[in-house]
Amino acid sequence: MASTAVVKASIDVVQIVGADGVSSKVRAAMGAQYLTWNYGQMGLVATVRLSEPTENKVAWQRFLPTGPVALLPLTDELSSLVWSINSDEARRLLNLTDECFADALNEALWKQHPRHPAVDTATRRLDSILDSLMLRSSAVRQLQPSVAEIEPNSRAAFPLAFGHSTRYMGAGVVLIGDAAHRVHPLAGQGVNLGFGDVKCLTEQLTESVYSGQSIGSKSPLLNYETSRQRHNVPTMLAIDGLQKLYSTEATPIVVLRSLGLQLTHALTPLKSAIMNHAAV
């Protein structure tokens, strides 16, 4: 008489990777606490055609009293617009014709705003000090491009906010990208943080397999959470601080941030360290 034994085994696996955006249902199902606050701004995006073809390979950003406006290169003729502006003004701009919107954008890119004499005096003095120390950058300032037209049906807007999940992992669940964190676009770091999450999670899961652990065991997921939170939280707080720093026109703050930018540009090791951190 033959008998067959049925053996049941449980295998730990990562059942769900939550990559479902800022309103993540995966995060909600995890019950993770989510810290968030709004900036009272919207990110207005569009694809714009430049006035003339150029070697378009450098991202360009201008900080305005109303918020930063940035052009990110796509091709020699096209750039992607990210314009952070208060919500009411964003809605008004969305309702303009493409021609009027292009005019408003060019004004934002080129209009000269009055500067307090204290700011000019402080920056000139710092320039003199940097020159005497041979630290002043020799880089040629790149002028901002002009926009010829807006690509049809490319305009949209979304609310800007800070958001962070206190946990990135649960039983068989892990969060990455906007499901785990959300930042203001002024530093262009949202996608970098997401790419860093994917890279770190892949490395941790790969290492767990090669070391003989289950792909869904708790250890690699905890390592992922710890590593990414140690990187993401300081980066996010720095971006939030920059947003607040550039949201005021108080003269002492304007002087300090102008001097800070000058020093960062002049001190190559500092600039390199910031760029290396942002690229992780």
Protein backbone atom coordinates (compact mmCIF):
# COMPACT_ATOMS: atom_id res chain seq x y z
CA MET A 1 0.00 0.00 0.00
CA ALA A 2 1.52 3.27 -1.07
CA SER A 3 1.00 6.52 0.73
CA THR A 4 1.85 10.06 -0.25
CA ALA A 5 2.81 12.64 2.34
CA VAL A 6 1.98 16.25 1.57
CA VAL A 7 4.48 18.66 3.12
CA LYS A 8 3.48 22.30 3.53
CA ALA A 9 6.21 24.88 3.86
CA SER A 10 5.95 28.59 4.45
CA ILE A 11 8.34 30.78 2.53
CA ASP A 12 9.00 34.38 3.55
CA VAL A 13 8.81 36.67 0.57
CA VAL A 14 8.37 40.35 -0.08
CA GLN A 15 4.73 40.18 -1.13
CA ILE A 16 4.19 43.86 -1.92
CA VAL A 17 6.48 46.71 -2.90
CA GLY A 18 4.52 49.91 -2.28
CA ALA A 19 5.41 52.24 -5.14
CA ASP A 20 1.93 53.72 -5.50
CA GLY A 21 2.68 57.39 -4.94
CA VAL A 22 1.95 60.04 -2.35
CA SER A 23 -1.56 58.73 -1.61
CA SER A 24 -0.24 55.18 -1.16
CA LYS A 25 -2.88 52.63 -0.27
CA VAL A 26 -0.10 50.21 0.61
CA ARG A 27 1.21 52.65 3.22
CA ALA A 28 -2.29 53.13 4.60
CA ALA A 29 -2.79 49.35 4.84
CA MET A 30 0.50 49.10 6.75
CA GLY A 31 -0.84 51.55 9.31
CA ALA A 32 2.38 53.55 9.12
CA GLN A 33 2.31 57.05 10.60
CA TYR A 34 2.69 59.68 7.88
CA LEU A 35 4.03 63.14 8.73
CA THR A 36 2.93 65.80 6.26
CA TRP A 37 2.38 69.52 5.78
CA ASN A 38 1.40 71.65 2.79
CA TYR A 39 3.43 74.49 1.30
CA GLY A 40 0.44 76.44 -0.02
CA GLN A 41 1.94 76.16 -3.50
CA MET A 42 1.39 74.17 -6.65
CA GLY A 43 3.96 72.76 -9.02
CA LEU A 44 3.02 73.94 -12.49
CA VAL A 45 4.54 71.70 -15.16
CA ALA A 46 4.65 71.92 -18.95
CA THR A 47 6.81 71.09 -21.95
CA VAL A 48 8.19 74.24 -23.55
CA ARG A 49 9.87 74.90 -26.87
CA LEU A 50 12.91 77.16 -26.67
CA SER A 51 13.24 80.26 -28.83
CA GLU A 52 16.22 78.76 -30.62
CA PRO A 53 17.91 75.35 -30.64
CA THR A 54 20.92 75.11 -28.36
CA GLU A 55 23.17 72.58 -26.68
CA ASN A 56 20.49 72.10 -24.07
CA LYS A 57 22.12 69.94 -21.41
CA VAL A 58 22.13 72.09 -18.26
CA ALA A 59 19.20 72.40 -15.86
CA TRP A 60 18.42 76.03 -15.02
CA GLN A 61 16.56 77.42 -12.00
CA ARG A 62 15.68 80.91 -10.82
CA PHE A 63 14.47 81.74 -7.32
CA LEU A 64 11.69 84.33 -7.44
CA PRO A 65 9.85 86.05 -4.58
CA THR A 66 6.85 83.86 -5.48
CA GLY A 67 8.81 80.60 -5.73
CA PRO A 68 11.41 78.93 -7.97
CA VAL A 69 10.99 78.37 -11.70
CA ALA A 70 13.10 75.68 -13.36
CA LEU A 71 13.76 74.43 -16.89
CA LEU A 72 15.05 70.88 -17.27
CA PRO A 73 16.57 69.89 -20.64
CA LEU A 74 14.80 67.32 -22.79
CA THR A 75 16.19 67.89 -26.30
CA ASP A 76 18.06 70.72 -28.02
CA GLU A 77 14.69 72.42 -28.59
CA LEU A 78 12.51 71.27 -25.68
CA SER A 79 12.68 71.67 -21.91
CA SER A 80 10.46 70.56 -19.06
CA LEU A 81 9.08 73.35 -16.88
CA VAL A 82 8.60 73.07 -13.12
CA TRP A 83 7.24 76.33 -11.70
CA SER A 84 6.48 76.47 -7.97
CA ILE A 85 3.96 79.19 -7.26
CA ASN A 86 1.07 79.93 -4.90
CA SER A 87 -2.06 77.93 -5.62
CA ASP A 88 -4.29 80.82 -6.74
CA GLU A 89 -1.70 82.12 -9.21
CA ALA A 90 -1.10 78.59 -10.53
CA ARG A 91 -4.80 78.21 -11.32
CA ARG A 92 -4.81 81.59 -13.07
CA LEU A 93 -1.81 80.61 -15.18
CA LEU A 94 -3.42 77.30 -16.12
CA ASN A 95 -6.41 79.18 -17.53
CA LEU A 96 -4.31 81.41 -19.80
CA THR A 97 -3.93 80.72 -23.50
CA ASP A 98 -0.65 79.08 -24.51
CA GLU A 99 0.57 82.38 -25.95
CA CYS A 100 -0.21 84.37 -22.79
CA PHE A 101 1.28 81.63 -20.63
CA ALA A 102 4.54 81.77 -22.63
CA ASP A 103 4.64 85.55 -22.13
CA ALA A 104 4.11 85.15 -18.37
CA LEU A 105 6.83 82.51 -18.21
CA ASN A 106 9.36 84.65 -20.10
CA GLU A 107 8.61 87.51 -17.72
CA ALA A 108 9.27 85.19 -14.77
CA LEU A 109 12.54 84.07 -16.37
CA TRP A 110 13.85 87.52 -17.28
CA LYS A 111 12.23 90.21 -15.12
CA GLN A 112 14.74 92.06 -12.95
CA HIS A 113 13.55 92.42 -9.37
CA PRO A 114 14.89 95.23 -7.15
CA ARG A 115 17.59 94.17 -4.68
CA HIS A 116 18.21 95.74 -1.31
CA PRO A 117 21.47 97.75 -1.25
CA ALA A 118 22.63 95.70 1.75
CA VAL A 119 22.53 92.54 -0.39
CA ASP A 120 24.63 94.11 -3.16
CA THR A 121 27.13 95.49 -0.65
CA ALA A 122 27.53 92.15 1.16
CA THR A 123 27.95 90.12 -2.04
CA ARG A 124 30.50 92.59 -3.47
CA ARG A 125 32.56 92.43 -0.29
CA LEU A 126 32.50 88.64 -0.30
CA ASP A 127 33.56 88.68 -3.97
CA SER A 128 36.56 90.81 -2.99
CA ILE A 129 37.51 88.42 -0.19
CA LEU A 130 37.18 85.39 -2.47
CA ASP A 131 39.30 87.15 -5.11
CA SER A 132 42.03 87.87 -2.57
CA LEU A 133 42.02 84.20 -1.54
CA MET A 134 41.90 83.08 -5.18
CA LEU A 135 38.71 81.19 -4.46
CA ARG A 136 36.31 82.97 -6.76
CA SER A 137 34.86 80.65 -9.37
CA SER A 138 35.97 81.25 -12.94
CA ALA A 139 32.81 79.62 -14.36
CA VAL A 140 30.97 81.71 -16.92
CA ARG A 141 27.41 82.52 -15.87
CA GLN A 142 24.91 80.88 -18.19
CA LEU A 143 22.00 83.03 -19.24
CA GLN A 144 18.55 81.60 -18.96
CA PRO A 145 16.82 80.55 -22.21
CA SER A 146 13.75 82.21 -23.66
CA VAL A 147 10.59 80.27 -24.44
CA ALA A 148 9.01 80.42 -27.88
CA GLU A 149 5.86 78.42 -27.17
CA ILE A 150 4.18 75.86 -24.95
CA GLU A 151 3.63 72.38 -26.30
CA PRO A 152 -0.16 71.88 -26.67
CA ASN A 153 -1.97 70.14 -23.79
CA SER A 154 1.22 69.77 -21.75
CA ARG A 155 0.29 72.04 -18.83
CA ALA A 156 -0.74 70.60 -15.47
CA ALA A 157 -0.40 71.43 -11.78
CA PHE A 158 -0.18 69.47 -8.55
CA PRO A 159 -0.13 70.56 -4.89
CA LEU A 160 3.26 70.74 -3.16
CA ALA A 161 3.77 69.24 0.27
CA PHE A 162 6.23 67.56 2.60
CA GLY A 163 5.50 63.95 3.52
CA HIS A 164 7.35 61.15 5.27
CA SER A 165 6.37 57.69 6.45
CA THR A 166 7.85 56.79 9.83
CA ARG A 167 8.15 53.20 8.61
CA TYR A 168 9.32 51.91 5.24
CA MET A 169 8.66 48.22 5.90
CA GLY A 170 6.19 45.82 7.47
CA ALA A 171 5.49 42.10 7.32
CA GLY A 172 6.11 41.23 3.66
CA VAL A 173 5.66 44.87 2.63
CA VAL A 174 8.15 47.59 1.77
CA LEU A 175 7.69 51.21 0.65
CA ILE A 176 9.78 53.05 -1.95
CA GLY A 177 9.66 56.41 -3.70
CA ASP A 178 6.78 58.82 -3.16
CA ALA A 179 4.91 56.19 -1.16
CA ALA A 180 7.60 56.61 1.52
CA HIS A 181 8.53 60.29 1.16
CA ARG A 182 7.57 63.50 -0.59
CA VAL A 183 9.62 66.68 -1.04
CA HIS A 184 9.38 70.12 -2.59
CA PRO A 185 10.71 70.07 -6.19
CA LEU A 186 13.03 73.07 -5.73
CA ALA A 187 16.12 70.86 -5.34
CA GLY A 188 15.11 68.29 -7.96
CA GLN A 189 15.66 65.49 -5.44
CA GLY A 190 12.31 63.64 -5.49
CA VAL A 191 13.30 61.23 -8.26
CA ASN A 192 16.84 60.82 -6.88
CA LEU A 193 15.48 59.73 -3.51
CA GLY A 194 13.26 57.20 -5.27
CA PHE A 195 16.12 55.83 -7.38
CA GLY A 196 18.20 55.55 -4.21
CA ASP A 197 15.44 53.52 -2.55
CA VAL A 198 15.32 51.08 -5.47
CA LYS A 199 19.10 50.71 -5.55
CA CYS A 200 19.34 50.12 -1.79
CA LEU A 201 16.43 47.66 -1.67
CA THR A 202 17.84 45.69 -4.61
CA GLU A 203 21.26 45.50 -2.95
CA GLN A 204 19.81 44.35 0.37
CA LEU A 205 17.62 41.65 -1.19
CA THR A 206 20.46 40.45 -3.41
CA GLU A 207 22.80 40.22 -0.43
CA SER A 208 20.21 38.29 1.57
CA VAL A 209 19.85 35.71 -1.22
CA TYR A 210 23.60 35.22 -1.61
CA SER A 211 23.99 34.82 2.17
CA GLY A 212 21.32 32.11 2.22
CA GLN A 213 18.54 34.14 3.83
CA SER A 214 14.97 34.24 2.62
CA ILE A 215 14.31 37.11 0.24
CA GLY A 216 11.54 38.31 2.52
CA SER A 217 13.29 37.90 5.88
CA LYS A 218 13.11 40.82 8.25
CA SER A 219 16.82 41.60 8.41
CA PRO A 220 17.39 42.95 4.85
CA LEU A 221 14.19 44.98 4.99
CA LEU A 222 15.24 46.55 8.30
CA ASN A 223 18.66 47.29 6.82
CA TYR A 224 16.97 48.96 3.86
CA GLU A 225 14.72 51.03 6.11
CA THR A 226 17.59 52.13 8.35
CA SER A 227 19.93 52.98 5.49
CA ARG A 228 17.39 54.97 3.52
CA GLN A 229 15.95 56.86 6.47
CA ARG A 230 19.45 57.91 7.51
CA HIS A 231 19.93 59.33 4.02
CA ASN A 232 16.44 60.57 3.23
CA VAL A 233 15.49 62.38 6.43
CA PRO A 234 18.46 64.83 6.50
CA THR A 235 18.03 65.46 2.77
CA MET A 236 14.32 66.11 3.14
CA LEU A 237 14.78 68.44 6.10
CA ALA A 238 17.47 70.36 4.18
CA ILE A 239 15.08 70.80 1.23
CA ASP A 240 12.30 71.90 3.57
CA GLY A 241 14.70 74.39 5.14
CA LEU A 242 15.64 75.76 1.72
CA GLN A 243 11.97 76.18 0.85
CA LYS A 244 11.42 78.22 4.00
CA LEU A 245 14.67 80.14 3.47
CA TYR A 246 13.55 81.22 0.00
CA SER A 247 9.99 81.99 1.07
CA THR A 248 10.95 85.20 2.86
CA GLU A 249 12.18 88.55 1.60
CA ALA A 250 13.46 89.73 5.00
CA THR A 251 16.71 91.54 4.24
CA PRO A 252 18.94 89.75 6.81
CA ILE A 253 17.76 86.36 5.49
CA VAL A 254 18.26 87.41 1.86
CA VAL A 255 21.81 88.56 2.70
CA LEU A 256 22.64 85.29 4.45
CA ARG A 257 21.28 83.05 1.69
CA SER A 258 23.03 85.11 -1.01
CA LEU A 259 26.36 84.79 0.82
CA GLY A 260 25.72 81.09 1.37
CA LEU A 261 25.23 80.50 -2.35
CA GLN A 262 28.38 82.45 -3.16
CA LEU A 263 30.45 80.42 -0.70
CA THR A 264 29.02 77.11 -1.87
CA HIS A 265 29.81 78.00 -5.48
CA ALA A 266 33.35 79.08 -4.59
CA LEU A 267 34.26 76.17 -2.29
CA THR A 268 34.61 73.27 -4.71
CA PRO A 269 34.98 70.54 -2.02
CA LEU A 270 31.76 71.69 -0.34
CA LYS A 271 29.90 71.82 -3.65
CA SER A 272 31.20 68.36 -4.57
CA ALA A 273 30.14 66.93 -1.20
CA ILE A 274 26.60 68.29 -1.66
CA MET A 275 26.40 66.89 -5.19
CA ASN A 276 27.71 63.49 -4.11
CA HIS A 277 25.16 63.26 -1.29
CA ALA A 278 22.34 64.26 -3.63
CA ALA A 279 23.38 61.62 -6.17
CA VAL A 280 23.22 58.69 -3.71
